Amino acid sequence: MQPSKKIDILISGASIAGLTTAYWLIKYGFNVTVVERASHIRAGGQALDVRGPALEVAEKMGILNALKTNSTKLTGMSMVDAATGEETYRNTEQTLTGGRLDSNDVEILRDDLCQILLDGVGNNARFLFNNSIVSIDQDSLGANVVFTNAPQQRFYLVIGADGLRSNVRKLVFGKDKEFVKYLGHYVAIFTMPNFLGLDRWEVFYQHEGIPIAACIAKEKESDIRAYLGFETPEAINYDYRNTIAQKDLVAERTPQVGNVLPQIVRYMYEADNFYFDSVNQVIMDSWSKGLVTLVGDAGYSVSVSLGQGTTVAMVGGYVLASELAAQTNDISKALQCYEELLRDYVINNQKLAYESRSEPAVEDYDSTDVRDLGQSVVPFTFKNYTEIV
């Protein structure tokens, strides 16, 4: 493919969706700018799954071997009664987060995947770190974008890949309450020392049959990716920018039983890569408005229930970039095709995630209860984009 479309496109968010989209837009010859609120790729984050059609995208990008090399390579999982410390369940064939260990699917930590995608983009995109969008003023030929810490610039298209709480979506489409559907759970994710001595293993701590915490370690010398979560029927009103208040919220709802949960809470307060939010889906009638469009969680968050968000984001980024390249002279048609191609795929993923919100209590688990996540992969057939130049 020879670069032939020297058109300026802005992507908001150096995320999985944003970096995947950037890679393909650059491949097709577009000029790409990525604006990111953080100072660099955000450290920490959960274990993600690259499955089914996303493996095809990764192979097309030439990064599949890198994903496998940097995968979690877990060898199993266990469940522990948080109060007594007793192991109540063990499985060395599959895990709750990654599915069957003999699957072709790849489980990888978020920052590892982002770094691989960032390396793929390289110096071919202009990055505006420590920055965000203040306003987007669009007309029929482009959009004037004002930034917090960079000069105003005009772009042919603005792509919001800035996650569940998308700034682009708020500026152009409306407030979160119009699109974000709460699914009854909250989760905190952070990094802590491997005081449990986990080695390519994940462990879940439950109290009175309710999952409270999860811990994953790639190797004994690595840090643990920790999760603390709780359920509540109604969404909680809290300050998204007050990290201490969020940590207090999690601590108040974490049972102080046994030896491990209190220690996890202490490490949570020390964590500088703490992330907290409700488990949600984003439901929108359209992901595009004029010369602004959304990709990944910003437009169609699936939720963490089945771990399909990464796969959907990578598929979405590839399809969006390819349709823009195929129909550069008719941007409206390109965005329409992007939505038409993905709509049923997104809906089917969201339906599966919504129906899989609850896990059986610890006392109900047996060797057949750990869900085979591979069976939840929604197939997707890609158009042939090899002729795009």
Protein backbone atom coordinates (compact mmCIF):
# COMPACT_ATOMS: atom_id res chain seq x y z
CA MET A 1 0.00 0.00 0.00
CA GLN A 2 1.34 3.42 -0.95
CA PRO A 3 0.36 6.47 1.13
CA SER A 4 -2.10 8.44 -0.96
CA LYS A 5 -4.50 10.11 1.41
CA LYS A 6 -2.69 12.99 3.09
CA ILE A 7 -5.69 13.92 5.21
CA ASP A 8 -5.47 15.07 8.84
CA ILE A 9 -7.36 12.93 11.33
CA LEU A 10 -7.46 13.40 15.10
CA ILE A 11 -7.86 10.48 17.49
CA SER A 12 -8.74 11.22 21.11
CA GLY A 13 -7.32 8.50 23.36
CA ALA A 14 -4.12 6.42 23.17
CA SER A 15 -6.21 3.37 24.02
CA ILE A 16 -6.54 -0.09 22.48
CA ALA A 17 -9.15 1.24 20.06
CA GLY A 18 -7.27 4.49 19.46
CA LEU A 19 -3.88 2.93 18.77
CA THR A 20 -5.36 0.19 16.57
CA THR A 21 -7.23 2.80 14.55
CA ALA A 22 -4.10 4.97 14.34
CA TYR A 23 -2.02 2.07 13.05
CA TRP A 24 -4.41 1.34 10.19
CA LEU A 25 -5.02 4.97 9.26
CA ILE A 26 -1.25 5.45 8.99
CA LYS A 27 -1.00 2.26 6.95
CA TYR A 28 -3.54 3.72 4.53
CA GLY A 29 -1.64 7.00 4.26
CA PHE A 30 -3.57 9.39 6.51
CA ASN A 31 -1.91 11.99 8.72
CA VAL A 32 -2.75 11.02 12.31
CA THR A 33 -2.63 13.04 15.52
CA VAL A 34 -3.38 11.33 18.84
CA VAL A 35 -4.36 13.43 21.85
CA GLU A 36 -4.06 11.77 25.26
CA ARG A 37 -4.87 13.17 28.69
CA ALA A 38 -2.12 11.17 30.42
CA SER A 39 1.60 11.91 30.17
CA HIS A 40 2.23 8.59 28.41
CA ILE A 41 0.59 5.22 27.96
CA ARG A 42 -1.21 4.60 31.23
CA ALA A 43 0.56 2.09 33.48
CA GLY A 44 -1.30 -0.78 35.09
CA GLY A 45 -4.73 -1.96 34.05
CA GLN A 46 -6.44 -5.29 33.89
CA ALA A 47 -5.69 -8.46 31.99
CA LEU A 48 -7.28 -8.27 28.54
CA ASP A 49 -8.27 -10.94 26.06
CA VAL A 50 -7.54 -10.91 22.33
CA ARG A 51 -9.85 -13.46 20.76
CA GLY A 52 -11.40 -14.65 17.53
CA PRO A 53 -11.54 -11.86 14.93
CA ALA A 54 -9.12 -9.68 16.93
CA LEU A 55 -6.48 -12.37 16.43
CA GLU A 56 -7.00 -11.86 12.68
CA VAL A 57 -6.49 -8.12 13.10
CA ALA A 58 -3.34 -8.70 15.17
CA GLU A 59 -1.97 -11.06 12.52
CA LYS A 60 -2.65 -8.50 9.78
CA MET A 61 -0.76 -5.94 11.88
CA GLY A 62 2.19 -8.30 12.36
CA ILE A 63 1.95 -8.18 16.16
CA LEU A 64 0.44 -11.58 16.95
CA ASN A 65 3.76 -13.16 17.95
CA ALA A 66 4.51 -10.17 20.20
CA LEU A 67 1.13 -10.62 21.89
CA LYS A 68 1.83 -14.29 22.54
CA THR A 69 5.34 -13.57 23.82
CA ASN A 70 4.01 -10.97 26.27
CA SER A 71 0.88 -12.87 27.31
CA THR A 72 0.12 -13.72 30.93
CA LYS A 73 0.84 -17.42 30.30
CA LEU A 74 -1.23 -18.40 33.33
CA THR A 75 -1.12 -22.03 34.39
CA GLY A 76 -4.34 -22.04 36.38
CA MET A 77 -6.59 -20.46 38.97
CA SER A 78 -7.91 -21.03 42.46
CA MET A 79 -10.67 -19.73 44.70
CA VAL A 80 -10.12 -19.00 48.37
CA ASP A 81 -12.43 -18.32 51.29
CA ALA A 82 -11.26 -14.85 52.36
CA ALA A 83 -12.16 -15.37 56.03
CA THR A 84 -10.45 -18.73 56.56
CA GLY A 85 -7.79 -18.69 53.84
CA GLU A 86 -8.96 -22.13 52.72
CA GLU A 87 -8.67 -22.95 49.04
CA THR A 88 -12.11 -24.12 47.91
CA TYR A 89 -11.50 -24.65 44.19
CA ARG A 90 -8.58 -25.16 41.77
CA ASN A 91 -8.41 -25.48 38.01
CA THR A 92 -5.32 -26.01 35.85
CA GLU A 93 -7.16 -26.26 32.53
CA GLN A 94 -8.78 -22.84 32.31
CA THR A 95 -9.17 -19.55 34.16
CA LEU A 96 -12.04 -17.18 34.76
CA THR A 97 -10.31 -14.27 33.07
CA GLY A 98 -8.67 -16.01 30.13
CA GLY A 99 -10.70 -19.12 29.39
CA ARG A 100 -9.16 -22.43 28.35
CA LEU A 101 -5.39 -22.55 28.60
CA ASP A 102 -5.11 -24.58 25.39
CA SER A 103 -7.04 -21.96 23.42
CA ASN A 104 -5.55 -19.84 20.64
CA ASP A 105 -6.85 -16.75 22.47
CA VAL A 106 -4.29 -14.45 24.08
CA GLU A 107 -4.61 -12.96 27.56
CA ILE A 108 -2.31 -9.97 28.01
CA LEU A 109 -1.99 -7.11 30.49
CA ARG A 110 -3.42 -3.84 29.27
CA ASP A 111 -0.19 -1.84 29.39
CA ASP A 112 1.71 -4.61 27.59
CA LEU A 113 -0.85 -4.58 24.77
CA CYS A 114 -0.83 -0.78 24.58
CA GLN A 115 2.97 -0.75 24.37
CA ILE A 116 2.94 -3.25 21.51
CA LEU A 117 0.37 -1.16 19.65
CA LEU A 118 2.34 2.03 20.38
CA ASP A 119 5.49 0.42 19.00
CA GLY A 120 3.52 -0.49 15.88
CA VAL A 121 2.46 3.13 15.40
CA GLY A 122 5.99 4.33 16.15
CA ASN A 123 6.89 7.86 15.08
CA ASN A 124 4.33 7.83 12.29
CA ALA A 125 1.72 9.66 14.37
CA ARG A 126 1.96 12.96 16.22
CA PHE A 127 1.15 12.53 19.92
CA LEU A 128 -0.20 15.29 22.16
CA PHE A 129 0.27 13.87 25.66
CA ASN A 130 -0.82 15.78 28.77
CA ASN A 131 -3.59 17.21 26.65
CA SER A 132 -7.30 17.00 26.01
CA ILE A 133 -9.96 18.49 23.77
CA VAL A 134 -11.82 21.57 24.98
CA SER A 135 -14.17 22.07 22.03
CA ILE A 136 -14.98 20.72 18.58
CA ASP A 137 -16.53 23.13 16.08
CA GLN A 138 -17.35 21.30 12.88
CA ASP A 139 -18.73 22.31 9.50
CA SER A 140 -19.29 20.36 6.28
CA LEU A 141 -15.58 20.29 5.43
CA GLY A 142 -13.88 19.59 8.74
CA ALA A 143 -13.64 20.37 12.43
CA ASN A 144 -11.76 23.06 14.35
CA VAL A 145 -10.46 21.59 17.60
CA VAL A 146 -9.34 23.55 20.66
CA PHE A 147 -6.97 21.81 23.08
CA THR A 148 -5.99 22.48 26.67
CA ASN A 149 -2.25 22.66 25.97
CA ALA A 150 -1.76 22.83 22.20
CA PRO A 151 -2.62 25.29 19.43
CA GLN A 152 -6.02 25.05 17.80
CA GLN A 153 -5.98 22.85 14.71
CA ARG A 154 -8.35 21.84 11.92
CA PHE A 155 -8.94 18.18 11.09
CA TYR A 156 -10.86 16.38 8.38
CA LEU A 157 -12.27 13.94 10.95
CA VAL A 158 -12.27 13.56 14.75
CA ILE A 159 -12.37 10.05 16.23
CA GLY A 160 -13.30 9.54 19.88
CA ALA A 161 -11.44 6.51 21.22
CA ASP A 162 -11.35 7.85 24.76
CA GLY A 163 -13.16 5.12 26.60
CA LEU A 164 -16.29 4.68 28.65
CA ARG A 165 -16.29 8.29 29.93
CA SER A 166 -15.49 9.68 26.49
CA ASN A 167 -14.81 13.40 26.37
CA VAL A 168 -15.55 13.49 22.64
CA ARG A 169 -18.92 11.84 23.21
CA LYS A 170 -19.83 14.41 25.86
CA LEU A 171 -18.78 17.34 23.67
CA VAL A 172 -20.58 16.22 20.52
CA PHE A 173 -23.30 13.68 21.38
CA GLY A 174 -24.45 14.40 24.94
CA LYS A 175 -24.00 13.54 28.62
CA ASP A 176 -23.07 10.11 29.92
CA LYS A 177 -26.52 9.49 31.37
CA GLU A 178 -27.97 9.40 27.86
CA PHE A 179 -25.79 6.50 26.74
CA VAL A 180 -24.16 4.70 29.70
CA LYS A 181 -26.12 1.71 31.01
CA TYR A 182 -25.19 0.65 34.54
CA LEU A 183 -24.94 -3.14 35.06
CA GLY A 184 -24.94 -3.34 38.87
CA HIS A 185 -21.23 -3.67 39.68
CA TYR A 186 -18.21 -1.53 40.54
CA VAL A 187 -14.60 -2.54 40.13
CA ALA A 188 -11.24 -1.10 41.17
CA ILE A 189 -8.04 -2.16 39.39
CA PHE A 190 -4.51 -1.43 40.56
CA THR A 191 -1.01 -2.86 40.89
CA MET A 192 0.48 -4.10 44.15
CA PRO A 193 3.53 -6.11 45.28
CA ASN A 194 3.31 -9.86 44.86
CA PHE A 195 3.09 -10.57 48.59
CA LEU A 196 1.12 -13.74 47.79
CA GLY A 197 3.98 -15.28 45.79
CA LEU A 198 1.77 -15.96 42.76
CA ASP A 199 3.55 -17.39 39.73
CA ARG A 200 1.55 -17.34 36.46
CA TRP A 201 -1.55 -17.84 38.55
CA GLU A 202 -4.78 -16.10 39.40
CA VAL A 203 -6.66 -16.35 42.68
CA PHE A 204 -10.14 -15.14 43.62
CA TYR A 205 -11.12 -14.30 47.19
CA GLN A 206 -14.76 -14.74 48.13
CA HIS A 207 -16.65 -14.02 51.32
CA GLU A 208 -19.97 -15.69 52.07
CA GLY A 209 -20.19 -16.78 48.44
CA ILE A 210 -19.63 -13.29 47.04
CA PRO A 211 -16.55 -12.53 44.88
CA ILE A 212 -14.57 -9.70 46.52
CA ALA A 213 -11.07 -9.66 45.07
CA ALA A 214 -9.01 -11.15 42.26
CA CYS A 215 -5.23 -11.23 41.87
CA ILE A 216 -3.19 -12.08 38.77
CA ALA A 217 0.59 -12.37 38.44
CA LYS A 218 2.53 -13.11 35.23
CA GLU A 219 5.45 -14.48 37.23
CA LYS A 220 6.70 -14.68 40.79
CA GLU A 221 8.97 -11.65 40.33
CA SER A 222 6.20 -9.47 38.88
CA ASP A 223 3.66 -7.27 40.58
CA ILE A 224 0.08 -8.40 41.04
CA ARG A 225 -2.80 -6.90 39.11
CA ALA A 226 -5.47 -6.65 41.76
CA TYR A 227 -9.22 -6.23 41.42
CA LEU A 228 -11.64 -5.25 44.18
CA GLY A 229 -15.33 -5.13 43.39
CA PHE A 230 -18.78 -4.88 44.85
CA GLU A 231 -22.41 -4.94 43.75
CA THR A 232 -25.07 -2.33 44.33
CA PRO A 233 -28.48 -2.16 42.63
CA GLU A 234 -28.31 1.59 42.01
CA ALA A 235 -25.42 3.59 40.62
CA ILE A 236 -23.45 5.63 43.16
CA ASN A 237 -22.92 9.35 42.80
CA TYR A 238 -19.21 10.08 43.32
CA ASP A 239 -16.49 12.42 42.06
CA TYR A 240 -14.71 10.80 39.10
CA ARG A 241 -11.65 12.97 39.72
CA ASN A 242 -11.26 12.33 43.47
CA THR A 243 -9.13 9.21 43.70
CA ILE A 244 -8.92 9.20 47.50
CA ALA A 245 -12.71 9.32 47.80
CA GLN A 246 -12.97 6.44 45.34
CA LYS A 247 -10.50 4.37 47.36
CA ASP A 248 -12.51 5.10 50.50
CA LEU A 249 -15.63 3.95 48.67
CA VAL A 250 -14.01 0.63 47.80
CA ALA A 251 -12.49 0.15 51.28
CA GLU A 252 -15.85 0.73 52.98
CA ARG A 253 -17.39 -2.07 50.94
CA THR A 254 -14.57 -4.59 51.25
CA PRO A 255 -15.07 -7.01 54.17
CA GLN A 256 -12.17 -6.75 56.61
CA VAL A 257 -11.92 -10.50 57.16
CA GLY A 258 -8.94 -12.82 57.11
CA ASN A 259 -5.40 -11.69 56.43
CA VAL A 260 -5.37 -11.01 52.70
CA LEU A 261 -8.27 -8.62 52.04
CA PRO A 262 -7.07 -6.03 54.60
CA GLN A 263 -3.59 -6.19 53.07
CA ILE A 264 -5.00 -5.70 49.55
CA VAL A 265 -6.89 -2.63 50.76
CA ARG A 266 -3.70 -1.20 52.28
CA TYR A 267 -1.85 -1.67 49.01
CA MET A 268 -4.78 -0.11 47.16
CA TYR A 269 -4.26 3.13 49.08
CA GLU A 270 -0.58 3.10 48.06
CA ALA A 271 -1.24 2.43 44.37
CA ASP A 272 -0.55 5.29 41.96
CA ASN A 273 -2.21 3.55 38.99
CA PHE A 274 -5.61 3.08 40.63
CA TYR A 275 -8.63 2.85 38.31
CA PHE A 276 -12.24 2.75 39.49
CA ASP A 277 -15.56 2.77 37.68
CA SER A 278 -18.90 1.06 37.42
CA VAL A 279 -19.42 -1.84 35.04
CA ASN A 280 -21.40 -0.43 32.15
CA GLN A 281 -22.38 -0.68 28.54
CA VAL A 282 -22.59 2.23 26.12
CA ILE A 283 -25.72 2.09 23.98
CA MET A 284 -26.04 4.57 21.10
CA ASP A 285 -28.33 4.75 18.07
CA SER A 286 -25.46 6.16 16.03
CA TRP A 287 -21.71 6.38 16.62
CA SER A 288 -21.22 9.28 14.21
CA LYS A 289 -22.35 12.88 13.98
CA GLY A 290 -21.08 14.89 11.04
CA LEU A 291 -17.30 14.59 10.95
CA VAL A 292 -17.00 13.11 14.43
CA THR A 293 -17.20 9.37 15.11
CA LEU A 294 -16.59 6.99 18.01
CA VAL A 295 -14.74 3.68 18.23
CA GLY A 296 -14.40 1.10 21.01
CA ASP A 297 -15.77 1.74 24.50
CA ALA A 298 -16.54 5.37 23.68
CA GLY A 299 -19.26 4.29 21.27
CA TYR A 300 -20.14 0.74 22.23
CA SER A 301 -18.65 -0.48 25.50
CA VAL A 302 -19.45 -4.14 25.97
CA SER A 303 -18.50 -4.28 29.70
CA VAL A 304 -15.94 -6.50 31.41
CA SER A 305 -18.37 -9.41 31.92
CA LEU A 306 -16.96 -11.55 29.12
CA GLY A 307 -13.71 -9.76 28.43
CA GLN A 308 -14.77 -9.03 24.85
CA GLY A 309 -14.11 -5.29 24.95
CA THR A 310 -10.56 -5.54 23.59
CA THR A 311 -11.60 -7.78 20.73
CA VAL A 312 -14.50 -5.50 19.79
CA ALA A 313 -12.24 -2.43 19.99
CA MET A 314 -9.56 -3.91 17.72
CA VAL A 315 -12.14 -5.09 15.20
CA GLY A 316 -13.84 -1.69 15.30
CA GLY A 317 -10.57 0.20 14.79
CA TYR A 318 -9.62 -1.91 11.78
CA VAL A 319 -13.03 -1.65 10.12
CA LEU A 320 -13.33 2.11 10.74
CA ALA A 321 -9.90 2.88 9.29
CA SER A 322 -10.44 0.58 6.32
CA GLU A 323 -13.82 2.06 5.44
CA LEU A 324 -12.37 5.57 5.65
CA ALA A 325 -9.58 4.51 3.31
CA ALA A 326 -11.97 2.79 0.91
CA GLN A 327 -14.32 5.78 0.68
CA THR A 328 -12.20 8.85 1.37
CA ASN A 329 -14.18 10.95 -1.10
CA ASP A 330 -17.45 10.24 0.72
CA ILE A 331 -16.80 10.41 4.45
CA SER A 332 -20.49 10.13 5.34
CA LYS A 333 -20.79 6.92 3.34
CA ALA A 334 -17.63 5.53 4.95
CA LEU A 335 -19.00 6.16 8.46
CA GLN A 336 -22.35 4.71 7.50
CA CYS A 337 -20.71 1.52 6.22
CA TYR A 338 -18.60 1.31 9.39
CA GLU A 339 -21.75 1.32 11.50
CA GLU A 340 -23.67 -1.06 9.25
CA LEU A 341 -20.84 -3.59 9.26
CA LEU A 342 -20.36 -3.53 13.05
CA ARG A 343 -23.85 -2.91 14.45
CA ASP A 344 -25.05 -6.53 14.74
CA TYR A 345 -21.64 -7.67 15.94
CA VAL A 346 -21.65 -5.10 18.74
CA ILE A 347 -25.25 -5.84 19.73
CA ASN A 348 -24.56 -9.57 19.95
CA ASN A 349 -21.49 -8.98 22.13
CA GLN A 350 -23.41 -6.62 24.41
CA LYS A 351 -26.26 -9.09 24.73
CA LEU A 352 -23.88 -11.88 25.75
CA ALA A 353 -22.14 -9.66 28.29
CA TYR A 354 -25.43 -8.48 29.78
CA GLU A 355 -26.66 -12.04 30.18
CA SER A 356 -23.40 -13.11 31.87
CA ARG A 357 -23.28 -10.56 34.68
CA SER A 358 -23.49 -13.03 37.57
CA GLU A 359 -21.13 -15.82 38.62
CA PRO A 360 -22.16 -18.81 40.77
CA ALA A 361 -21.30 -18.66 44.45
CA VAL A 362 -18.10 -20.36 45.55
CA GLU A 363 -19.90 -23.26 47.20
CA ASP A 364 -21.65 -24.01 43.90
CA TYR A 365 -18.49 -24.36 41.80
CA ASP A 366 -17.34 -27.67 40.42
CA SER A 367 -15.02 -28.61 37.58
CA THR A 368 -17.66 -27.83 34.94
CA ASP A 369 -18.64 -24.37 36.20
CA VAL A 370 -15.76 -22.25 34.94
CA ARG A 371 -17.10 -20.75 31.77
CA ASP A 372 -15.24 -21.50 28.54
CA LEU A 373 -14.82 -17.94 27.30
CA GLY A 374 -13.93 -19.21 23.84
CA GLN A 375 -17.53 -20.27 23.39
CA SER A 376 -18.59 -16.64 23.89
CA VAL A 377 -16.58 -15.29 20.96
CA VAL A 378 -18.90 -13.68 18.44
CA PRO A 379 -17.67 -14.39 14.89
CA PHE A 380 -17.06 -11.57 12.45
CA THR A 381 -16.36 -11.78 8.73
CA PHE A 382 -14.10 -9.03 7.42
CA LYS A 383 -14.43 -7.41 4.04
CA ASN A 384 -11.45 -7.73 1.75
CA TYR A 385 -9.57 -4.45 2.08
CA THR A 386 -6.34 -5.56 0.40
CA GLU A 387 -7.00 -3.48 -2.72
CA ILE A 388 -7.14 -0.17 -0.84
CA VAL A 389 -4.36 2.19 -1.93
